[in-house]
Amino acid sequence: MNIVEGPFGLRFIKIESCQTFLGIDKGGWVYASERPRHRVELPSFLILESPITKAQFAAILGDDDSSDELKDMVTHDDVEKICSQLSSHFEDEVRRPTQSEWKSAESLLKLPCGWTELLSDEATGNHRGAPLDGRPRIGEMIGPLSGHRISQSAHPKRAGVYAQVTTPGDRPLPKVGFRLVVSPKRSGEARRVPDNANLGTNIRSELFWTTVLGIIPSFTIPILRGFSSYAIDGWANLLFGGLCAGFVSGAFWRPRRPTWGLSPEGEVIQLKD
C-alpha cells in the first residue's frame, strides 16, 4: 500500500489508474435501480485512509481540537470549507470520493462499524446517465433530494461489511462523516451511460418471456392433467393467470442487460462478456 503523507496529518493512499464496475446487469425489475452495469475508467488518485477526524477538521480551519475521534455532524457546507482550504496544497481537485473511486479502494479503506460516509454523487434513481470517467455525478436532482448523497454505511458489528445507502448531507447527523480524494480535474463533456434503454427491445423481450413463462404453461398444465375442455371454456381465466405469472417472473428474472463502457477510442459501447 502506497501511503502519501499530506498536510495536517492527512494520510492518503495512492490508487493507480484502474477500471471498476458499478451496478448490476440482472434483468429483473427489482434490480432496475441498480442498472445499467458500467465500467468506469479511473485515473490515478489519492484517497484518505480514514475519514476526517475532529483534530484534522479543526486544524484545517485554524481551530483547536485534539480529539482523534472521527468528525461527524457535518453538512455539505462544512465539506466545501475543508476542500477550499486544502485546495492550495494540491494541484488536483480536492473533494469527497465518487462511488467508483470508493469502490476501487474499498479493500484498503477504514470505516468504523456503525459509521456512514458521505460520497460526492447525488442519489439518483439508477445509473443511467452516469459518467464513465469517475467524475462526481451532481447537479441533476432538484428539490429536497438535491441535498441527498450516495453513502457507504459500515455494518454495526461486522468490520469490513458495507452497504450503499442514501443520506441527507444538508443537515448534520451523528456518526455521518466524510473522507477526501485528490483526483485529476476532468475537462470537457463527460462520456456517459445512455440515458434511455431500448424500449422496443425491452417490449419484445417482455412479450416473449411472459408468453413462454406464463401464458403457455397456464394453458399446457390443464391439458396435460386431462382438462382439455377447460383450456377452451376457461381461456380468459387461463390467459389472465398466465399474464400474472409472467409479471411475477419478470420481477425476479429476465435475461441480463447490457454492460456499458468506453472503447479504446473513447466511444461509449456495449461491452461483450
C-alpha atoms as a PDB file:
ATOM      1  CA  MET A   1       0.000   0.000   0.000  1.00  0.00           C
ATOM      2  CA  ASN A   2       1.498   3.308  -1.127  1.00  0.00           C
ATOM      3  CA  ILE A   3       0.933   5.927   1.593  1.00  0.00           C
ATOM      4  CA  VAL A   4       1.332   9.626   0.797  1.00  0.00           C
ATOM      5  CA  GLU A   5       1.630  11.995   3.754  1.00  0.00           C
ATOM      6  CA  GLY A   6      -0.375  15.167   3.291  1.00  0.00           C
ATOM      7  CA  PRO A   7      -0.785  18.399   5.285  1.00  0.00           C
ATOM      8  CA  PHE A   8      -2.442  18.461   8.734  1.00  0.00           C
ATOM      9  CA  GLY A   9      -1.570  14.822   9.379  1.00  0.00           C
ATOM     10  CA  LEU A  10      -3.667  13.527   6.492  1.00  0.00           C
ATOM     11  CA  ARG A  11      -2.654  10.069   5.249  1.00  0.00           C
ATOM     12  CA  PHE A  12      -3.574   9.348   1.637  1.00  0.00           C
ATOM     13  CA  ILE A  13      -3.473   6.040  -0.200  1.00  0.00           C
ATOM     14  CA  LYS A  14      -2.317   6.304  -3.788  1.00  0.00           C
ATOM     15  CA  ILE A  15      -4.548   4.367  -6.177  1.00  0.00           C
ATOM     16  CA  GLU A  16      -3.086   3.782  -9.622  1.00  0.00           C
ATOM     17  CA  SER A  17      -5.220   4.228 -12.725  1.00  0.00           C
ATOM     18  CA  CYS A  18      -7.698   1.372 -12.963  1.00  0.00           C
ATOM     19  CA  GLN A  19     -11.099   0.197 -14.123  1.00  0.00           C
ATOM     20  CA  THR A  20     -14.016  -0.647 -11.854  1.00  0.00           C
ATOM     21  CA  PHE A  21     -17.580  -1.799 -12.465  1.00  0.00           C
ATOM     22  CA  LEU A  22     -20.660  -0.229 -10.924  1.00  0.00           C
ATOM     23  CA  GLY A  23     -24.226  -1.521 -10.975  1.00  0.00           C
ATOM     24  CA  ILE A  24     -25.551  -4.937 -11.944  1.00  0.00           C
ATOM     25  CA  ASP A  25     -26.763  -6.475 -15.180  1.00  0.00           C
ATOM     26  CA  LYS A  26     -29.592  -8.642 -13.782  1.00  0.00           C
ATOM     27  CA  GLY A  27     -32.761  -8.205 -15.827  1.00  0.00           C
ATOM     28  CA  GLY A  28     -35.445  -8.495 -13.128  1.00  0.00           C
ATOM     29  CA  TRP A  29     -37.497  -5.390 -12.396  1.00  0.00           C
ATOM     30  CA  VAL A  30     -36.458  -5.369  -8.736  1.00  0.00           C
ATOM     31  CA  TYR A  31     -32.909  -4.563  -9.908  1.00  0.00           C
ATOM     32  CA  ALA A  32     -33.932  -1.569 -12.042  1.00  0.00           C
ATOM     33  CA  SER A  33     -32.472   0.982  -9.613  1.00  0.00           C
ATOM     34  CA  GLU A  34     -29.056  -0.726  -9.826  1.00  0.00           C
ATOM     35  CA  ARG A  35     -28.832  -0.815 -13.627  1.00  0.00           C
ATOM     36  CA  PRO A  36     -27.145  -0.460 -16.007  1.00  0.00           C
ATOM     37  CA  ARG A  37     -23.851  -2.082 -15.146  1.00  0.00           C
ATOM     38  CA  HIS A  38     -20.989   0.011 -16.460  1.00  0.00           C
ATOM     39  CA  ARG A  39     -17.218   0.157 -16.425  1.00  0.00           C
ATOM     40  CA  VAL A  40     -15.601   3.334 -15.111  1.00  0.00           C
ATOM     41  CA  GLU A  41     -12.114   4.373 -16.240  1.00  0.00           C
ATOM     42  CA  LEU A  42     -10.299   5.988 -13.312  1.00  0.00           C
ATOM     43  CA  PRO A  43      -7.048   7.969 -13.460  1.00  0.00           C
ATOM     44  CA  SER A  44      -4.536   7.710 -10.631  1.00  0.00           C
ATOM     45  CA  PHE A  45      -5.770   9.490  -7.476  1.00  0.00           C
ATOM     46  CA  LEU A  46      -5.205   9.857  -3.720  1.00  0.00           C
ATOM     47  CA  ILE A  47      -7.811   8.868  -1.132  1.00  0.00           C
ATOM     48  CA  LEU A  48      -7.726   9.265   2.634  1.00  0.00           C
ATOM     49  CA  GLU A  49      -7.124   6.049   4.528  1.00  0.00           C
ATOM     50  CA  SER A  50      -9.731   7.049   7.154  1.00  0.00           C
ATOM     51  CA  PRO A  51     -12.460   9.712   7.347  1.00  0.00           C
ATOM     52  CA  ILE A  52     -11.528  13.146   8.653  1.00  0.00           C
ATOM     53  CA  THR A  53     -11.044  13.351  12.441  1.00  0.00           C
ATOM     54  CA  LYS A  54     -12.120  16.197  14.725  1.00  0.00           C
ATOM     55  CA  ALA A  55      -8.490  17.216  15.212  1.00  0.00           C
ATOM     56  CA  GLN A  56      -7.808  17.318  11.459  1.00  0.00           C
ATOM     57  CA  PHE A  57     -11.049  19.188  10.802  1.00  0.00           C
ATOM     58  CA  ALA A  58     -10.175  21.821  13.386  1.00  0.00           C
ATOM     59  CA  ALA A  59      -6.536  22.159  12.245  1.00  0.00           C
ATOM     60  CA  ILE A  60      -7.547  22.738   8.623  1.00  0.00           C
ATOM     61  CA  LEU A  61      -9.904  25.544   9.707  1.00  0.00           C
ATOM     62  CA  GLY A  62      -7.370  27.003  12.157  1.00  0.00           C
ATOM     63  CA  ASP A  63      -9.234  25.909  15.296  1.00  0.00           C
ATOM     64  CA  ASP A  64      -8.137  23.887  18.317  1.00  0.00           C
ATOM     65  CA  ASP A  65      -9.283  20.322  18.921  1.00  0.00           C
ATOM     66  CA  SER A  66      -7.054  17.434  19.910  1.00  0.00           C
ATOM     67  CA  SER A  67      -9.645  14.678  19.600  1.00  0.00           C
ATOM     68  CA  ASP A  68      -8.754  11.726  17.387  1.00  0.00           C
ATOM     69  CA  GLU A  69     -12.435  10.778  17.055  1.00  0.00           C
ATOM     70  CA  LEU A  70     -13.972  10.956  13.610  1.00  0.00           C
ATOM     71  CA  LYS A  71     -15.718  14.189  12.741  1.00  0.00           C
ATOM     72  CA  ASP A  72     -19.488  13.827  12.407  1.00  0.00           C
ATOM     73  CA  MET A  73     -22.420  16.271  12.392  1.00  0.00           C
ATOM     74  CA  VAL A  74     -21.177  17.755   9.108  1.00  0.00           C
ATOM     75  CA  THR A  75     -23.001  19.279   6.150  1.00  0.00           C
ATOM     76  CA  HIS A  76     -22.119  19.967   2.521  1.00  0.00           C
ATOM     77  CA  ASP A  77     -21.039  23.482   3.525  1.00  0.00           C
ATOM     78  CA  ASP A  78     -18.602  22.091   6.093  1.00  0.00           C
ATOM     79  CA  VAL A  79     -17.069  19.794   3.497  1.00  0.00           C
ATOM     80  CA  GLU A  80     -16.745  22.638   0.994  1.00  0.00           C
ATOM     81  CA  LYS A  81     -14.862  24.735   3.559  1.00  0.00           C
ATOM     82  CA  ILE A  82     -12.394  21.908   4.131  1.00  0.00           C
ATOM     83  CA  CYS A  83     -11.917  21.314   0.408  1.00  0.00           C
ATOM     84  CA  SER A  84     -11.404  25.022  -0.206  1.00  0.00           C
ATOM     85  CA  GLN A  85      -8.725  25.245   2.484  1.00  0.00           C
ATOM     86  CA  LEU A  86      -6.877  22.186   1.185  1.00  0.00           C
ATOM     87  CA  SER A  87      -7.029  23.171  -2.481  1.00  0.00           C
ATOM     88  CA  SER A  88      -3.981  25.413  -2.085  1.00  0.00           C
ATOM     89  CA  HIS A  89      -1.892  22.354  -1.128  1.00  0.00           C
ATOM     90  CA  PHE A  90      -2.699  20.312  -4.259  1.00  0.00           C
ATOM     91  CA  GLU A  91      -2.804  20.914  -7.979  1.00  0.00           C
ATOM     92  CA  ASP A  92      -5.615  18.408  -8.472  1.00  0.00           C
ATOM     93  CA  GLU A  93      -9.224  18.622  -7.312  1.00  0.00           C
ATOM     94  CA  VAL A  94      -9.943  18.052  -3.600  1.00  0.00           C
ATOM     95  CA  ARG A  95     -13.398  16.622  -2.859  1.00  0.00           C
ATOM     96  CA  ARG A  96     -15.247  13.623  -1.496  1.00  0.00           C
ATOM     97  CA  PRO A  97     -14.817  10.353  -3.421  1.00  0.00           C
ATOM     98  CA  THR A  98     -17.270   9.188  -6.043  1.00  0.00           C
ATOM     99  CA  GLN A  99     -18.841   5.730  -5.932  1.00  0.00           C
ATOM    100  CA  SER A 100     -16.292   4.370  -8.392  1.00  0.00           C
ATOM    101  CA  GLU A 101     -13.307   5.838  -6.527  1.00  0.00           C
ATOM    102  CA  TRP A 102     -14.528   4.470  -3.197  1.00  0.00           C
ATOM    103  CA  LYS A 103     -15.203   1.026  -4.636  1.00  0.00           C
ATOM    104  CA  SER A 104     -11.808   0.805  -6.339  1.00  0.00           C
ATOM    105  CA  ALA A 105     -10.091   1.443  -2.984  1.00  0.00           C
ATOM    106  CA  GLU A 106     -12.596  -0.350  -0.735  1.00  0.00           C
ATOM    107  CA  SER A 107     -10.298  -3.126   0.462  1.00  0.00           C
ATOM    108  CA  LEU A 108      -7.738  -0.551   1.693  1.00  0.00           C
ATOM    109  CA  LEU A 109     -10.090   1.865   3.450  1.00  0.00           C
ATOM    110  CA  LYS A 110     -11.019   2.144   7.118  1.00  0.00           C
ATOM    111  CA  LEU A 111     -14.562   2.937   8.249  1.00  0.00           C
ATOM    112  CA  PRO A 112     -15.566   2.036  11.816  1.00  0.00           C
ATOM    113  CA  CYS A 113     -18.608  -0.137  12.462  1.00  0.00           C
ATOM    114  CA  GLY A 114     -21.811   1.859  12.665  1.00  0.00           C
ATOM    115  CA  TRP A 115     -20.456   4.867  10.755  1.00  0.00           C
ATOM    116  CA  THR A 116     -21.723   6.277   7.472  1.00  0.00           C
ATOM    117  CA  GLU A 117     -19.581   8.144   4.972  1.00  0.00           C
ATOM    118  CA  LEU A 118     -20.941  10.778   2.592  1.00  0.00           C
ATOM    119  CA  LEU A 119     -19.753  10.454  -1.009  1.00  0.00           C
ATOM    120  CA  SER A 120     -19.949  13.146  -3.674  1.00  0.00           C
ATOM    121  CA  ASP A 121     -22.555  11.613  -6.029  1.00  0.00           C
ATOM    122  CA  GLU A 122     -26.177  12.680  -5.841  1.00  0.00           C
ATOM    123  CA  ALA A 123     -28.724   9.993  -5.021  1.00  0.00           C
ATOM    124  CA  THR A 124     -30.160   9.379  -8.489  1.00  0.00           C
ATOM    125  CA  GLY A 125     -32.738   6.686  -9.242  1.00  0.00           C
ATOM    126  CA  ASN A 126     -30.395   4.491 -11.303  1.00  0.00           C
ATOM    127  CA  HIS A 127     -27.103   4.517 -13.209  1.00  0.00           C
ATOM    128  CA  ARG A 128     -28.492   5.865 -16.476  1.00  0.00           C
ATOM    129  CA  GLY A 129     -26.561   8.946 -17.497  1.00  0.00           C
ATOM    130  CA  ALA A 130     -23.689   8.134 -15.134  1.00  0.00           C
ATOM    131  CA  PRO A 131     -20.263   9.468 -16.219  1.00  0.00           C
ATOM    132  CA  LEU A 132     -17.738   6.851 -17.301  1.00  0.00           C
ATOM    133  CA  ASP A 133     -14.612   8.732 -16.204  1.00  0.00           C
ATOM    134  CA  GLY A 134     -15.220   8.704 -12.435  1.00  0.00           C
ATOM    135  CA  ARG A 135     -16.153  12.375 -12.069  1.00  0.00           C
ATOM    136  CA  PRO A 136     -18.868  13.269  -9.486  1.00  0.00           C
ATOM    137  CA  ARG A 137     -22.469  12.988 -10.576  1.00  0.00           C
ATOM    138  CA  ILE A 138     -24.049  16.188  -9.298  1.00  0.00           C
ATOM    139  CA  GLY A 139     -26.414  18.930 -10.478  1.00  0.00           C
ATOM    140  CA  GLU A 140     -29.056  16.516 -11.790  1.00  0.00           C
ATOM    141  CA  MET A 141     -31.505  16.461  -8.875  1.00  0.00           C
ATOM    142  CA  ILE A 142     -33.904  19.245  -7.876  1.00  0.00           C
ATOM    143  CA  GLY A 143     -35.966  19.833  -4.768  1.00  0.00           C
ATOM    144  CA  PRO A 144     -35.361  18.234  -1.353  1.00  0.00           C
ATOM    145  CA  LEU A 145     -33.480  15.260  -2.824  1.00  0.00           C
ATOM    146  CA  SER A 146     -30.781  17.514  -4.257  1.00  0.00           C
ATOM    147  CA  GLY A 147     -29.128  17.521  -0.824  1.00  0.00           C
ATOM    148  CA  HIS A 148     -29.006  13.733  -0.558  1.00  0.00           C
ATOM    149  CA  ARG A 149     -25.837  11.840  -1.417  1.00  0.00           C
ATOM    150  CA  ILE A 150     -24.898   8.243  -2.056  1.00  0.00           C
ATOM    151  CA  SER A 151     -23.128   6.984   1.058  1.00  0.00           C
ATOM    152  CA  GLN A 152     -21.261   3.966   2.332  1.00  0.00           C
ATOM    153  CA  SER A 153     -22.517   2.640   5.652  1.00  0.00           C
ATOM    154  CA  ALA A 154     -20.475   0.214   7.769  1.00  0.00           C
ATOM    155  CA  HIS A 155     -22.212  -2.743   9.420  1.00  0.00           C
ATOM    156  CA  PRO A 156     -22.939  -2.066  13.119  1.00  0.00           C
ATOM    157  CA  LYS A 157     -20.909  -5.090  14.259  1.00  0.00           C
ATOM    158  CA  ARG A 158     -19.099  -6.755  11.343  1.00  0.00           C
ATOM    159  CA  ALA A 159     -15.937  -4.941  10.262  1.00  0.00           C
ATOM    160  CA  GLY A 160     -15.362  -4.594   6.529  1.00  0.00           C
ATOM    161  CA  VAL A 161     -19.027  -5.109   5.597  1.00  0.00           C
ATOM    162  CA  TYR A 162     -20.563  -2.093   3.864  1.00  0.00           C
ATOM    163  CA  ALA A 163     -23.914  -1.172   2.376  1.00  0.00           C
ATOM    164  CA  GLN A 164     -24.670   1.586  -0.087  1.00  0.00           C
ATOM    165  CA  VAL A 165     -27.340   3.929   1.256  1.00  0.00           C
ATOM    166  CA  THR A 166     -28.761   7.401   0.658  1.00  0.00           C
ATOM    167  CA  THR A 167     -28.019  10.055   3.281  1.00  0.00           C
ATOM    168  CA  PRO A 168     -29.029  13.727   3.522  1.00  0.00           C
ATOM    169  CA  GLY A 169     -25.947  15.911   3.509  1.00  0.00           C
ATOM    170  CA  ASP A 170     -27.681  19.232   4.081  1.00  0.00           C
ATOM    171  CA  ARG A 171     -28.212  18.639   7.807  1.00  0.00           C
ATOM    172  CA  PRO A 172     -25.813  17.320  10.453  1.00  0.00           C
ATOM    173  CA  LEU A 173     -26.273  13.728  11.573  1.00  0.00           C
ATOM    174  CA  PRO A 174     -24.478  11.671  14.231  1.00  0.00           C
ATOM    175  CA  LYS A 175     -21.902   9.138  13.040  1.00  0.00           C
ATOM    176  CA  VAL A 176     -22.014  10.539   9.497  1.00  0.00           C
ATOM    177  CA  GLY A 177     -18.611  11.731   8.335  1.00  0.00           C
ATOM    178  CA  PHE A 178     -16.527  12.096   5.180  1.00  0.00           C
ATOM    179  CA  ARG A 179     -13.128  11.461   3.655  1.00  0.00           C
ATOM    180  CA  LEU A 180     -11.420  13.219   0.772  1.00  0.00           C
ATOM    181  CA  VAL A 181      -9.774  12.364  -2.507  1.00  0.00           C
ATOM    182  CA  VAL A 182      -7.268  14.307  -4.568  1.00  0.00           C
ATOM    183  CA  SER A 183      -8.214  13.476  -8.128  1.00  0.00           C
ATOM    184  CA  PRO A 184      -7.288  14.963 -11.516  1.00  0.00           C
ATOM    185  CA  LYS A 185      -9.639  17.673 -12.726  1.00  0.00           C
ATOM    186  CA  ARG A 186     -11.814  16.426 -15.558  1.00  0.00           C
ATOM    187  CA  SER A 187     -12.288  18.672 -18.584  1.00  0.00           C
ATOM    188  CA  GLY A 188     -14.689  18.597 -21.478  1.00  0.00           C
ATOM    189  CA  GLU A 189     -18.022  16.843 -21.770  1.00  0.00           C
ATOM    190  CA  ALA A 190     -18.223  13.531 -19.935  1.00  0.00           C
ATOM    191  CA  ARG A 191     -18.894  10.290 -21.781  1.00  0.00           C
ATOM    192  CA  ARG A 192     -21.941   8.800 -20.103  1.00  0.00           C
ATOM    193  CA  VAL A 193     -24.074   5.678 -19.884  1.00  0.00           C
ATOM    194  CA  PRO A 194     -27.017   6.076 -22.306  1.00  0.00           C
ATOM    195  CA  ASP A 195     -29.958   7.850 -20.697  1.00  0.00           C
ATOM    196  CA  ASN A 196     -32.596   5.515 -22.065  1.00  0.00           C
ATOM    197  CA  ALA A 197     -32.995   1.788 -22.580  1.00  0.00           C
ATOM    198  CA  ASN A 198     -34.011   0.330 -25.947  1.00  0.00           C
ATOM    199  CA  LEU A 199     -37.786   0.422 -25.450  1.00  0.00           C
ATOM    200  CA  GLY A 200     -38.608  -1.702 -28.482  1.00  0.00           C
ATOM    201  CA  THR A 201     -36.195  -4.458 -27.486  1.00  0.00           C
ATOM    202  CA  ASN A 202     -37.500  -4.459 -23.922  1.00  0.00           C
ATOM    203  CA  ILE A 203     -41.140  -4.733 -25.058  1.00  0.00           C
ATOM    204  CA  ARG A 204     -40.360  -7.615 -27.411  1.00  0.00           C
ATOM    205  CA  SER A 205     -38.375  -9.393 -24.698  1.00  0.00           C
ATOM    206  CA  GLU A 206     -41.182  -8.949 -22.175  1.00  0.00           C
ATOM    207  CA  LEU A 207     -43.825 -10.288 -24.571  1.00  0.00           C
ATOM    208  CA  PHE A 208     -41.672 -13.304 -25.365  1.00  0.00           C
ATOM    209  CA  TRP A 209     -40.840 -14.258 -21.787  1.00  0.00           C
ATOM    210  CA  THR A 210     -44.354 -13.579 -20.487  1.00  0.00           C
ATOM    211  CA  THR A 211     -45.650 -15.932 -23.178  1.00  0.00           C
ATOM    212  CA  VAL A 212     -43.019 -18.621 -22.546  1.00  0.00           C
ATOM    213  CA  LEU A 213     -43.024 -18.498 -18.743  1.00  0.00           C
ATOM    214  CA  GLY A 214     -46.641 -17.542 -18.111  1.00  0.00           C
ATOM    215  CA  ILE A 215     -49.211 -17.973 -20.837  1.00  0.00           C
ATOM    216  CA  ILE A 216     -48.020 -21.230 -22.424  1.00  0.00           C
ATOM    217  CA  PRO A 217     -47.676 -23.095 -19.079  1.00  0.00           C
ATOM    218  CA  SER A 218     -51.049 -21.732 -17.990  1.00  0.00           C
ATOM    219  CA  PHE A 219     -52.760 -23.451 -20.952  1.00  0.00           C
ATOM    220  CA  THR A 220     -50.471 -26.507 -21.053  1.00  0.00           C
ATOM    221  CA  ILE A 221     -50.955 -27.622 -17.433  1.00  0.00           C
ATOM    222  CA  PRO A 222     -54.741 -28.226 -17.581  1.00  0.00           C
ATOM    223  CA  ILE A 223     -54.374 -30.023 -20.935  1.00  0.00           C
ATOM    224  CA  LEU A 224     -51.699 -32.370 -19.511  1.00  0.00           C
ATOM    225  CA  ARG A 225     -53.899 -33.051 -16.492  1.00  0.00           C
ATOM    226  CA  GLY A 226     -56.833 -34.089 -18.678  1.00  0.00           C
ATOM    227  CA  PHE A 227     -58.879 -30.877 -18.558  1.00  0.00           C
ATOM    228  CA  SER A 228     -58.648 -30.013 -22.241  1.00  0.00           C
ATOM    229  CA  SER A 229     -62.157 -28.577 -22.311  1.00  0.00           C
ATOM    230  CA  TYR A 230     -61.261 -26.033 -19.662  1.00  0.00           C
ATOM    231  CA  ALA A 231     -58.409 -24.783 -21.835  1.00  0.00           C
ATOM    232  CA  ILE A 232     -61.153 -23.711 -24.258  1.00  0.00           C
ATOM    233  CA  ASP A 233     -64.016 -22.738 -21.959  1.00  0.00           C
ATOM    234  CA  GLY A 234     -61.842 -21.010 -19.374  1.00  0.00           C
ATOM    235  CA  TRP A 235     -59.383 -19.372 -21.721  1.00  0.00           C
ATOM    236  CA  ALA A 236     -59.937 -15.916 -20.209  1.00  0.00           C
ATOM    237  CA  ASN A 237     -59.005 -17.133 -16.726  1.00  0.00           C
ATOM    238  CA  LEU A 238     -56.002 -19.023 -18.038  1.00  0.00           C
ATOM    239  CA  LEU A 239     -54.828 -16.030 -20.036  1.00  0.00           C
ATOM    240  CA  PHE A 240     -55.123 -13.752 -17.018  1.00  0.00           C
ATOM    241  CA  GLY A 241     -53.323 -16.276 -14.839  1.00  0.00           C
ATOM    242  CA  GLY A 242     -50.549 -16.613 -17.397  1.00  0.00           C
ATOM    243  CA  LEU A 243     -50.116 -12.850 -17.577  1.00  0.00           C
ATOM    244  CA  CYS A 244     -49.889 -12.676 -13.774  1.00  0.00           C
ATOM    245  CA  ALA A 245     -47.316 -15.488 -13.692  1.00  0.00           C
ATOM    246  CA  GLY A 246     -45.288 -13.767 -16.383  1.00  0.00           C
ATOM    247  CA  PHE A 247     -45.470 -10.488 -14.487  1.00  0.00           C
ATOM    248  CA  VAL A 248     -44.241 -12.095 -11.256  1.00  0.00           C
ATOM    249  CA  SER A 249     -41.407 -13.900 -13.021  1.00  0.00           C
ATOM    250  CA  GLY A 250     -40.316 -10.613 -14.566  1.00  0.00           C
ATOM    251  CA  ALA A 251     -39.829  -9.107 -11.146  1.00  0.00           C
ATOM    252  CA  PHE A 252     -37.005 -11.516 -10.351  1.00  0.00           C
ATOM    253  CA  TRP A 253     -35.654 -12.859 -13.637  1.00  0.00           C
ATOM    254  CA  ARG A 254     -35.124 -11.643 -17.149  1.00  0.00           C
ATOM    255  CA  PRO A 255     -32.080 -12.009 -19.421  1.00  0.00           C
ATOM    256  CA  ARG A 256     -29.052  -9.978 -18.431  1.00  0.00           C
ATOM    257  CA  ARG A 257     -28.965  -6.377 -19.600  1.00  0.00           C
ATOM    258  CA  PRO A 258     -26.049  -4.750 -21.456  1.00  0.00           C
ATOM    259  CA  THR A 259     -22.924  -3.548 -19.697  1.00  0.00           C
ATOM    260  CA  TRP A 260     -21.568  -0.208 -20.910  1.00  0.00           C
ATOM    261  CA  GLY A 261     -18.054   1.144 -21.138  1.00  0.00           C
ATOM    262  CA  LEU A 262     -15.603   3.075 -23.255  1.00  0.00           C
ATOM    263  CA  SER A 263     -13.810   1.735 -26.304  1.00  0.00           C
ATOM    264  CA  PRO A 264     -10.059   2.342 -26.770  1.00  0.00           C
ATOM    265  CA  GLU A 265     -11.089   5.301 -28.943  1.00  0.00           C
ATOM    266  CA  GLY A 266     -13.214   6.766 -26.131  1.00  0.00           C
ATOM    267  CA  GLU A 267     -16.622   5.902 -27.584  1.00  0.00           C
ATOM    268  CA  VAL A 268     -19.477   4.567 -25.453  1.00  0.00           C
ATOM    269  CA  ILE A 269     -20.097   0.926 -26.352  1.00  0.00           C
ATOM    270  CA  GLN A 270     -21.776  -2.206 -25.061  1.00  0.00           C
ATOM    271  CA  LEU A 271     -19.165  -4.495 -23.578  1.00  0.00           C
ATOM    272  CA  LYS A 272     -19.079  -8.142 -24.549  1.00  0.00           C
ATOM    273  CA  ASP A 273     -18.943 -10.826 -21.859  1.00  0.00           C
END
